[in-house]
Amino acid sequence: MRVTKLILVTGATGYIASRLIPRLLDSGRRVRCLARDPLRLKGRGWFHHVEVIQADVTTPSTLARALEGVHTAYYLVHNMSAGHGYTRIELDGARNFVSAAQEVGVRHIIYLGGLADPEQHIAPHMRSRIETGRVLREGNVPVTEFRAGVIIGSGSISFEMIRFITELFPLIPAPAWVHNKSQPIAIRNIVDYLLAALENKNGQGQVFEIGGLETTTYQDLMLRYARARGLKRDMLILPYIPLWFMAFGVGLMTPVPYPIAYALVAGLSTDSIVKHSEALSVFPEVKLIDFDSATHAALENTNPSRIERVWENGGSRFIKHEGSLIYHREYPIREPLDAVVQSIRKLIAHKQWRIESFEGNKSILVSVFESSFGNRWLEWRVDQNRLAQTAFFSPRGLPGFLYWYFLYPYHWLTFRGLMGNITKQSENQ
């Protein structure tokens, strides 16, 4: 009987891991996930198909158990959200990880870092990504390191910055560095490379710069996104915008928190292009996708059925995520599941909403409306003692955002009223 090698994915709650893990499972791999807070993974569709271990690379005592029996480990950790001092935390975490990996006999580490020229003056975030790779390579476990710049895919931090800013501003205020060069790569190709490195031993012990088919500018990325969305946009180049102010604006208007925005925006101040293209010859099985195709693929993933469910860890939440404004509430229920589902279906029939998906007594997704403002959906999920209601709104341009925020009190009252009607009708059945 063939024994499948155990693969560890660190940073399991992050974006890259969320796209990598399903592909690993589809290929028949055994997957173990390392997460500081495993509860954040509960809503993922693959949660029950992986082994989850609570551990933290900054706490060495937690790593031996997580790495035991692992053949290959993906190192997808970053600590930008920690704010000031994150670069030291990242290097210490990498040292802890490679030390523990050596002790338990891990055979291979695959690391995804940042694309920048280390010989130039680069931002602390990019320097930290490169130094993290160096620390991992100092151990005796073979490392395959990939360096990537802007990643095009729904949920990617860099793509969501482009998406939300371009949607919001008909005239986009921007610093002069938007003329810097970038070589964006599709998330599908990122995962292609990460998977190829599992079996391709020619990549072990090497560093690969990876990018897409085109070299362009950050300004062009935003304008091309606008064209894909049918939006008329132009740029207002300002001679100087303080870094903290740009990061504050990004944190306010996009899904990217301020500490991460500060690090990322600083990293955009230099070119991020492939200067050494060995990855193309070492991994010929990876077929690169152009920017426009990657963008259209990302836009197709704004339907709630395709969005990674990062909000399902209890309680009520409002988040910006994968091009959507999402409002989630959970209520305890005592009524039979059939009665609750029947009440929901009566409500849908009364409102004349269109059911997009129906999973027995577990989940119902309806399309509420499609308009020039954007698309809106409602979803209900039911289990033995909980009813979860989630509203999704995918705004189109500035009018869509204005529609949502100006009417937010009305939306809030409406969502509460819907939940109240469902539970009341369930009690009366």
Protein backbone atom coordinates (compact mmCIF):
# COMPACT_ATOMS: atom_id res chain seq x y z
CA MET A 1 0.00 0.00 0.00
CA ARG A 2 1.40 3.38 -1.04
CA VAL A 3 1.82 5.81 1.83
CA THR A 4 1.12 9.43 0.88
CA LYS A 5 3.68 11.94 2.15
CA LEU A 6 2.41 14.32 4.80
CA ILE A 7 2.45 17.99 3.77
CA LEU A 8 2.40 20.82 6.34
CA VAL A 9 0.96 24.22 5.41
CA THR A 10 1.85 27.05 7.77
CA GLY A 11 -0.09 30.31 7.73
CA ALA A 12 -3.21 28.26 7.08
CA THR A 13 -5.57 31.18 7.74
CA GLY A 14 -3.85 33.28 5.07
CA TYR A 15 -4.74 33.90 1.45
CA ILE A 16 -2.10 31.78 -0.29
CA ALA A 17 -2.82 28.80 1.95
CA SER A 18 -6.56 29.09 1.25
CA ARG A 19 -5.86 28.59 -2.47
CA LEU A 20 -3.09 26.02 -2.05
CA ILE A 21 -4.81 23.62 0.36
CA PRO A 22 -7.75 22.68 -1.93
CA ARG A 23 -5.31 21.99 -4.77
CA LEU A 24 -3.21 19.77 -2.50
CA LEU A 25 -6.30 17.84 -1.45
CA ASP A 26 -7.46 17.48 -5.04
CA SER A 27 -4.10 15.90 -5.89
CA GLY A 28 -4.57 13.31 -3.15
CA ARG A 29 -2.11 14.76 -0.62
CA ARG A 30 -2.36 14.36 3.13
CA VAL A 31 -2.44 17.87 4.55
CA ARG A 32 -1.76 19.19 8.03
CA CYS A 33 -2.46 22.86 8.75
CA LEU A 34 -0.64 24.99 11.30
CA ALA A 35 -2.61 27.92 12.69
CA ARG A 36 -2.37 30.14 15.74
CA ASP A 37 -6.17 30.23 15.94
CA PRO A 38 -7.70 27.07 14.43
CA LEU A 39 -11.23 28.41 15.01
CA ARG A 40 -10.64 30.83 12.14
CA LEU A 41 -10.58 27.84 9.79
CA LYS A 42 -13.96 26.40 10.76
CA GLY A 43 -15.85 28.01 7.89
CA ARG A 44 -13.49 26.76 5.18
CA GLY A 45 -14.92 24.11 2.88
CA TRP A 46 -11.83 21.93 3.34
CA PHE A 47 -11.70 22.15 7.15
CA HIS A 48 -12.88 18.58 7.76
CA HIS A 49 -10.48 17.12 5.20
CA VAL A 50 -7.24 18.28 6.85
CA GLU A 51 -5.51 17.84 10.17
CA VAL A 52 -5.33 21.10 12.09
CA ILE A 53 -2.72 21.78 14.78
CA GLN A 54 -2.55 24.89 16.91
CA ALA A 55 1.00 26.21 16.83
CA ASP A 56 2.95 29.42 16.35
CA VAL A 57 6.38 29.86 14.77
CA THR A 58 7.17 32.50 17.40
CA THR A 59 6.67 29.87 20.15
CA PRO A 60 9.29 27.14 19.56
CA SER A 61 7.76 24.68 22.03
CA THR A 62 4.67 24.29 19.80
CA LEU A 63 6.52 23.33 16.61
CA ALA A 64 7.84 19.80 17.20
CA ARG A 65 4.35 18.29 17.34
CA ALA A 66 3.24 20.24 14.26
CA LEU A 67 6.26 19.05 12.24
CA GLU A 68 6.36 15.43 13.39
CA GLY A 69 6.10 13.06 10.42
CA VAL A 70 6.08 15.90 7.87
CA HIS A 71 7.91 15.35 4.58
CA THR A 72 7.48 18.83 3.02
CA ALA A 73 6.52 22.06 4.78
CA TYR A 74 5.17 25.19 3.09
CA TYR A 75 6.34 28.31 4.89
CA LEU A 76 3.65 30.93 4.20
CA VAL A 77 3.95 32.98 7.38
CA HIS A 78 4.21 36.75 7.68
CA ASN A 79 3.80 39.02 10.70
CA MET A 80 3.08 42.42 9.14
CA SER A 81 -0.11 42.74 11.18
CA ALA A 82 2.06 42.95 14.32
CA GLY A 83 3.05 46.47 13.30
CA HIS A 84 6.30 48.00 14.61
CA GLY A 85 8.99 45.36 15.09
CA TYR A 86 7.44 42.81 12.74
CA THR A 87 10.72 42.31 10.83
CA ARG A 88 12.45 40.98 13.95
CA ILE A 89 9.47 38.73 14.70
CA GLU A 90 9.58 37.32 11.16
CA LEU A 91 13.27 36.41 11.33
CA ASP A 92 12.94 34.88 14.80
CA GLY A 93 9.98 32.83 13.60
CA ALA A 94 11.94 31.54 10.60
CA ARG A 95 14.85 30.53 12.85
CA ASN A 96 12.52 28.69 15.20
CA PHE A 97 10.85 26.90 12.32
CA VAL A 98 13.98 25.72 10.51
CA SER A 99 15.53 24.57 13.80
CA ALA A 100 12.47 22.46 14.64
CA ALA A 101 12.29 21.13 11.07
CA GLN A 102 15.89 19.94 11.27
CA GLU A 103 15.32 18.17 14.56
CA VAL A 104 12.34 16.11 13.38
CA GLY A 105 13.72 15.31 9.92
CA VAL A 106 11.63 17.40 7.53
CA ARG A 107 12.92 16.75 4.00
CA HIS A 108 11.95 19.93 2.15
CA ILE A 109 10.75 23.50 2.83
CA ILE A 110 8.95 25.56 0.18
CA TYR A 111 8.82 29.30 0.85
CA LEU A 112 7.00 32.14 -0.90
CA GLY A 113 8.66 35.53 -0.43
CA GLY A 114 8.65 38.95 -2.07
CA LEU A 115 10.03 40.05 -5.43
CA ALA A 116 12.57 42.85 -5.20
CA ASP A 117 16.20 43.52 -6.03
CA PRO A 118 18.16 42.87 -2.80
CA GLU A 119 21.07 44.94 -4.14
CA GLN A 120 18.90 48.06 -4.18
CA HIS A 121 17.46 50.18 -1.37
CA ILE A 122 14.11 48.49 -0.74
CA ALA A 123 11.35 48.85 1.85
CA PRO A 124 11.61 46.98 5.19
CA HIS A 125 8.77 44.66 4.19
CA MET A 126 10.55 43.47 1.05
CA ARG A 127 13.90 43.25 2.85
CA SER A 128 12.26 41.15 5.56
CA ARG A 129 10.78 38.75 3.00
CA ILE A 130 14.21 38.24 1.41
CA GLU A 131 15.97 37.89 4.79
CA THR A 132 13.38 35.33 5.91
CA GLY A 133 14.33 33.18 2.93
CA ARG A 134 18.02 33.54 3.81
CA VAL A 135 17.36 32.38 7.39
CA LEU A 136 15.41 29.35 6.17
CA ARG A 137 18.27 28.41 3.83
CA GLU A 138 20.82 28.55 6.66
CA GLY A 139 19.52 25.23 7.97
CA ASN A 140 20.30 21.82 6.51
CA VAL A 141 16.77 21.25 5.13
CA PRO A 142 16.67 21.92 1.35
CA VAL A 143 14.62 25.04 0.59
CA THR A 144 12.87 26.04 -2.61
CA GLU A 145 12.21 29.78 -2.46
CA PHE A 146 9.89 31.65 -4.80
CA ARG A 147 9.78 35.46 -4.94
CA ALA A 148 6.62 37.07 -6.28
CA GLY A 149 5.29 40.62 -6.55
CA VAL A 150 1.68 41.67 -7.12
CA ILE A 151 -0.61 38.62 -7.05
CA ILE A 152 -3.79 38.83 -9.12
CA GLY A 153 -6.64 36.93 -7.54
CA SER A 154 -9.80 37.55 -5.55
CA GLY A 155 -8.70 37.90 -1.92
CA SER A 156 -5.07 38.77 -2.63
CA ILE A 157 -4.08 41.80 -0.55
CA SER A 158 -2.45 43.57 -3.49
CA PHE A 159 -5.40 42.83 -5.79
CA GLU A 160 -7.95 43.97 -3.21
CA MET A 161 -6.07 47.27 -2.81
CA ILE A 162 -6.27 47.77 -6.59
CA ARG A 163 -9.91 46.71 -6.68
CA PHE A 164 -11.33 48.85 -3.88
CA ILE A 165 -9.33 52.00 -4.67
CA THR A 166 -10.17 51.83 -8.37
CA GLU A 167 -13.85 51.18 -7.67
CA LEU A 168 -14.07 54.10 -5.23
CA PHE A 169 -12.27 56.92 -7.07
CA PRO A 170 -13.26 58.21 -10.54
CA LEU A 171 -10.06 60.29 -10.30
CA ILE A 172 -7.52 58.19 -8.42
CA PRO A 173 -5.08 60.20 -6.27
CA ALA A 174 -1.67 58.55 -6.47
CA PRO A 175 2.00 59.20 -5.67
CA ALA A 176 4.67 59.31 -8.34
CA TRP A 177 5.71 55.71 -7.65
CA VAL A 178 2.64 54.42 -9.54
CA HIS A 179 4.95 54.70 -12.56
CA ASN A 180 7.21 52.01 -11.08
CA LYS A 181 7.33 48.69 -12.87
CA SER A 182 5.53 45.55 -11.78
CA GLN A 183 5.26 42.01 -13.14
CA PRO A 184 1.96 40.75 -11.71
CA ILE A 185 1.28 37.03 -11.52
CA ALA A 186 -2.03 35.15 -11.31
CA ILE A 187 -2.81 33.32 -8.07
CA ARG A 188 -3.35 30.17 -10.12
CA ASN A 189 0.25 30.36 -11.33
CA ILE A 190 1.52 30.97 -7.79
CA VAL A 191 -0.14 27.73 -6.70
CA ASP A 192 1.11 25.99 -9.86
CA TYR A 193 4.69 26.82 -8.87
CA LEU A 194 4.16 25.79 -5.24
CA LEU A 195 2.75 22.43 -6.34
CA ALA A 196 5.43 21.85 -8.97
CA ALA A 197 8.13 22.28 -6.34
CA LEU A 198 6.78 19.26 -4.45
CA GLU A 199 8.01 16.77 -7.03
CA ASN A 200 10.57 18.74 -9.03
CA LYS A 201 13.83 18.17 -7.16
CA ASN A 202 15.70 20.43 -9.57
CA GLY A 203 14.27 23.38 -7.67
CA GLN A 204 15.58 22.39 -4.25
CA GLY A 205 18.19 24.70 -2.81
CA GLN A 206 17.41 27.48 -5.28
CA VAL A 207 15.74 30.90 -5.34
CA PHE A 208 13.32 31.65 -8.16
CA GLU A 209 11.87 35.01 -9.19
CA ILE A 210 8.41 34.45 -10.63
CA GLY A 211 6.11 36.82 -12.49
CA GLY A 212 3.45 36.87 -15.16
CA LEU A 213 3.71 37.40 -18.90
CA GLU A 214 3.74 41.21 -18.80
CA THR A 215 5.82 43.95 -17.25
CA THR A 216 3.70 47.03 -16.61
CA THR A 217 3.25 49.87 -14.11
CA TYR A 218 1.08 50.10 -11.02
CA GLN A 219 -0.86 52.88 -12.75
CA ASP A 220 -1.59 50.63 -15.70
CA LEU A 221 -2.75 47.83 -13.40
CA MET A 222 -5.45 50.07 -11.92
CA LEU A 223 -6.55 51.47 -15.28
CA ARG A 224 -6.75 48.01 -16.82
CA TYR A 225 -8.79 46.79 -13.87
CA ALA A 226 -11.14 49.73 -14.45
CA ARG A 227 -11.55 48.76 -18.11
CA ALA A 228 -12.36 45.19 -17.12
CA ARG A 229 -15.14 46.57 -14.89
CA GLY A 230 -16.43 49.04 -17.48
CA LEU A 231 -15.41 52.01 -15.29
CA LYS A 232 -13.99 55.31 -16.54
CA ARG A 233 -10.97 56.16 -14.41
CA ASP A 234 -8.03 58.55 -14.57
CA MET A 235 -5.03 59.23 -12.32
CA LEU A 236 -4.19 62.38 -10.37
CA ILE A 237 -0.45 62.19 -9.72
CA LEU A 238 0.49 64.08 -6.57
CA PRO A 239 4.14 65.03 -5.94
CA TYR A 240 4.18 63.82 -2.35
CA ILE A 241 1.78 61.88 -0.16
CA PRO A 242 3.01 60.85 3.31
CA LEU A 243 3.31 57.10 3.68
CA TRP A 244 1.25 57.05 6.87
CA PHE A 245 -1.54 58.97 5.14
CA MET A 246 -1.65 56.55 2.19
CA ALA A 247 -1.68 53.59 4.57
CA PHE A 248 -4.46 55.19 6.62
CA GLY A 249 -6.55 55.66 3.47
CA VAL A 250 -5.95 52.09 2.31
CA GLY A 251 -6.84 50.76 5.76
CA LEU A 252 -10.03 52.81 5.81
CA MET A 253 -11.28 52.04 2.31
CA THR A 254 -10.04 48.51 1.58
CA PRO A 255 -9.94 45.15 3.41
CA VAL A 256 -6.24 45.68 4.20
CA PRO A 257 -5.57 46.65 7.87
CA TYR A 258 -3.41 49.72 8.53
CA PRO A 259 -0.22 47.89 9.71
CA ILE A 260 -0.22 45.65 6.64
CA ALA A 261 -1.12 48.55 4.35
CA TYR A 262 1.79 50.58 5.74
CA ALA A 263 4.26 47.79 4.99
CA LEU A 264 2.83 47.01 1.55
CA VAL A 265 2.53 50.60 0.33
CA ALA A 266 6.16 51.20 1.31
CA GLY A 267 7.08 48.12 -0.72
CA LEU A 268 5.54 49.62 -3.87
CA SER A 269 8.09 52.44 -3.93
CA THR A 270 10.50 50.38 -6.06
CA ASP A 271 10.24 48.17 -9.15
CA SER A 272 9.13 44.57 -8.63
CA ILE A 273 10.11 42.65 -11.76
CA VAL A 274 11.80 39.37 -12.68
CA LYS A 275 15.48 39.82 -13.51
CA HIS A 276 16.41 36.15 -13.37
CA SER A 277 14.00 33.89 -15.25
CA GLU A 278 15.32 30.41 -14.36
CA ALA A 279 11.87 29.40 -13.07
CA LEU A 280 10.61 29.20 -16.67
CA SER A 281 13.13 26.47 -17.56
CA VAL A 282 13.12 24.59 -14.26
CA PHE A 283 9.30 24.46 -14.05
CA PRO A 284 8.14 24.29 -17.70
CA GLU A 285 4.87 22.66 -16.57
CA VAL A 286 3.65 26.05 -15.30
CA LYS A 287 1.71 27.82 -18.07
CA LEU A 288 1.54 31.54 -17.33
CA ILE A 289 -1.71 33.52 -17.50
CA ASP A 290 -1.87 37.12 -18.72
CA PHE A 291 -3.07 39.95 -16.46
CA ASP A 292 -6.43 40.49 -18.16
CA SER A 293 -7.34 36.78 -17.96
CA ALA A 294 -6.32 36.66 -14.30
CA THR A 295 -8.40 39.77 -13.57
CA HIS A 296 -11.51 38.36 -15.26
CA ALA A 297 -11.07 35.11 -13.30
CA ALA A 298 -10.87 37.11 -10.06
CA LEU A 299 -14.01 39.10 -10.92
CA GLU A 300 -15.93 35.88 -11.55
CA ASN A 301 -15.21 34.84 -7.95
CA THR A 302 -17.27 37.61 -6.34
CA ASN A 303 -20.30 35.31 -6.11
CA PRO A 304 -20.78 34.23 -2.47
CA SER A 305 -20.59 30.57 -3.43
CA ARG A 306 -16.93 31.12 -4.42
CA ILE A 307 -15.81 33.48 -1.63
CA GLU A 308 -13.52 32.05 1.04
CA ARG A 309 -15.55 32.03 4.26
CA VAL A 310 -13.26 33.86 6.68
CA TRP A 311 -16.02 35.31 8.87
CA GLU A 312 -17.58 32.16 10.34
CA ASN A 313 -16.11 31.99 13.83
CA GLY A 314 -19.13 33.05 15.82
CA GLY A 315 -20.95 36.29 16.60
CA SER A 316 -21.74 39.21 14.31
CA ARG A 317 -19.29 40.83 11.92
CA PHE A 318 -19.07 43.41 9.16
CA ILE A 319 -16.09 42.96 6.84
CA LYS A 320 -14.77 43.95 3.43
CA HIS A 321 -13.64 40.79 1.67
CA GLU A 322 -12.97 39.65 -1.91
CA GLY A 323 -14.70 42.63 -3.50
CA SER A 324 -17.75 42.39 -1.25
CA LEU A 325 -19.20 44.18 1.76
CA ILE A 326 -20.36 41.40 4.08
CA TYR A 327 -22.63 41.60 7.12
CA HIS A 328 -22.89 38.40 9.16
CA ARG A 329 -25.10 37.63 12.18
CA GLU A 330 -25.66 34.46 14.18
CA TYR A 331 -28.59 33.58 16.44
CA PRO A 332 -29.27 30.60 18.70
CA ILE A 333 -32.38 28.61 17.75
CA ARG A 334 -34.49 26.01 19.56
CA GLU A 335 -36.91 25.17 16.75
CA PRO A 336 -36.59 22.04 14.54
CA LEU A 337 -34.41 22.54 11.48
CA ASP A 338 -37.27 21.69 9.09
CA ALA A 339 -39.42 24.44 10.61
CA VAL A 340 -36.64 27.03 10.29
CA VAL A 341 -35.91 26.10 6.66
CA GLN A 342 -39.64 26.17 5.81
CA SER A 343 -39.90 29.68 7.28
CA ILE A 344 -36.94 30.84 5.20
CA ARG A 345 -38.46 29.41 2.03
CA LYS A 346 -41.78 31.16 2.73
CA LEU A 347 -39.92 34.45 3.16
CA ILE A 348 -38.08 33.92 -0.15
CA ALA A 349 -41.34 33.13 -1.97
CA HIS A 350 -42.99 36.23 -0.50
CA LYS A 351 -40.09 38.49 -1.55
CA GLN A 352 -39.82 36.78 -4.94
CA TRP A 353 -36.09 36.34 -4.59
CA ARG A 354 -34.25 33.89 -6.82
CA ILE A 355 -32.67 30.86 -5.13
CA GLU A 356 -29.13 30.35 -6.43
CA SER A 357 -28.20 27.35 -4.29
CA PHE A 358 -29.98 25.10 -1.82
CA GLU A 359 -28.28 22.44 0.31
CA GLY A 360 -31.14 20.60 2.01
CA ASN A 361 -31.48 21.80 5.59
CA LYS A 362 -28.02 23.36 5.68
CA SER A 363 -27.77 26.39 3.41
CA ILE A 364 -29.89 28.63 1.15
CA LEU A 365 -28.40 31.41 -1.01
CA VAL A 366 -30.68 33.88 -2.80
CA SER A 367 -30.03 36.70 -5.24
CA VAL A 368 -31.80 39.82 -3.95
CA PHE A 369 -31.07 42.22 -6.81
CA GLU A 370 -28.71 43.17 -9.61
CA SER A 371 -28.49 46.84 -10.51
CA SER A 372 -26.12 49.57 -11.61
CA PHE A 373 -25.15 49.92 -7.93
CA GLY A 374 -23.98 46.32 -7.69
CA ASN A 375 -25.23 42.84 -6.80
CA ARG A 376 -26.73 41.76 -3.50
CA TRP A 377 -27.29 38.30 -2.02
CA LEU A 378 -28.62 36.84 1.23
CA GLU A 379 -27.61 33.52 2.67
CA TRP A 380 -28.91 31.47 5.58
CA ARG A 381 -27.07 28.54 7.15
CA VAL A 382 -28.70 26.34 9.75
CA ASP A 383 -27.36 23.73 12.15
CA GLN A 384 -28.75 22.09 15.30
CA ASN A 385 -28.66 25.20 17.49
CA ARG A 386 -27.65 28.13 15.29
CA LEU A 387 -29.06 30.22 12.47
CA ALA A 388 -26.53 32.30 10.55
CA GLN A 389 -27.62 35.06 8.18
CA THR A 390 -25.10 36.70 5.85
CA ALA A 391 -25.68 39.63 3.48
CA PHE A 392 -23.30 40.14 0.56
CA PHE A 393 -23.08 43.28 -1.52
CA SER A 394 -20.67 43.62 -4.43
CA PRO A 395 -20.59 47.37 -5.17
CA ARG A 396 -19.97 48.72 -8.65
CA GLY A 397 -17.99 51.92 -8.59
CA LEU A 398 -18.47 54.89 -6.27
CA PRO A 399 -22.32 54.89 -6.56
CA GLY A 400 -22.37 51.34 -5.21
CA PHE A 401 -20.35 52.28 -2.12
CA LEU A 402 -22.47 55.39 -1.53
CA TYR A 403 -25.63 53.29 -1.82
CA TRP A 404 -24.41 50.84 0.80
CA TYR A 405 -23.04 53.28 3.37
CA PHE A 406 -25.79 55.91 3.15
CA LEU A 407 -28.44 53.21 3.59
CA TYR A 408 -26.49 51.18 6.14
CA PRO A 409 -28.89 51.91 9.06
CA TYR A 410 -31.77 50.73 6.87
CA HIS A 411 -29.87 47.59 5.86
CA TRP A 412 -29.06 46.85 9.50
CA LEU A 413 -32.69 47.14 10.58
CA THR A 414 -33.85 45.09 7.59
CA PHE A 415 -31.43 42.25 8.34
CA ARG A 416 -32.51 42.14 11.97
CA GLY A 417 -36.16 42.17 10.92
CA LEU A 418 -35.67 39.26 8.52
CA MET A 419 -34.07 37.17 11.24
CA GLY A 420 -36.86 38.04 13.66
CA ASN A 421 -39.55 37.04 11.15
CA ILE A 422 -37.86 33.71 10.46
CA THR A 423 -37.57 32.75 14.12
CA LYS A 424 -41.12 33.92 14.92
CA GLN A 425 -42.65 31.92 12.06
CA SER A 426 -40.61 28.87 13.07
CA GLU A 427 -42.01 29.02 16.60
CA ASN A 428 -45.58 29.14 15.27
CA GLN A 429 -45.25 26.05 13.07
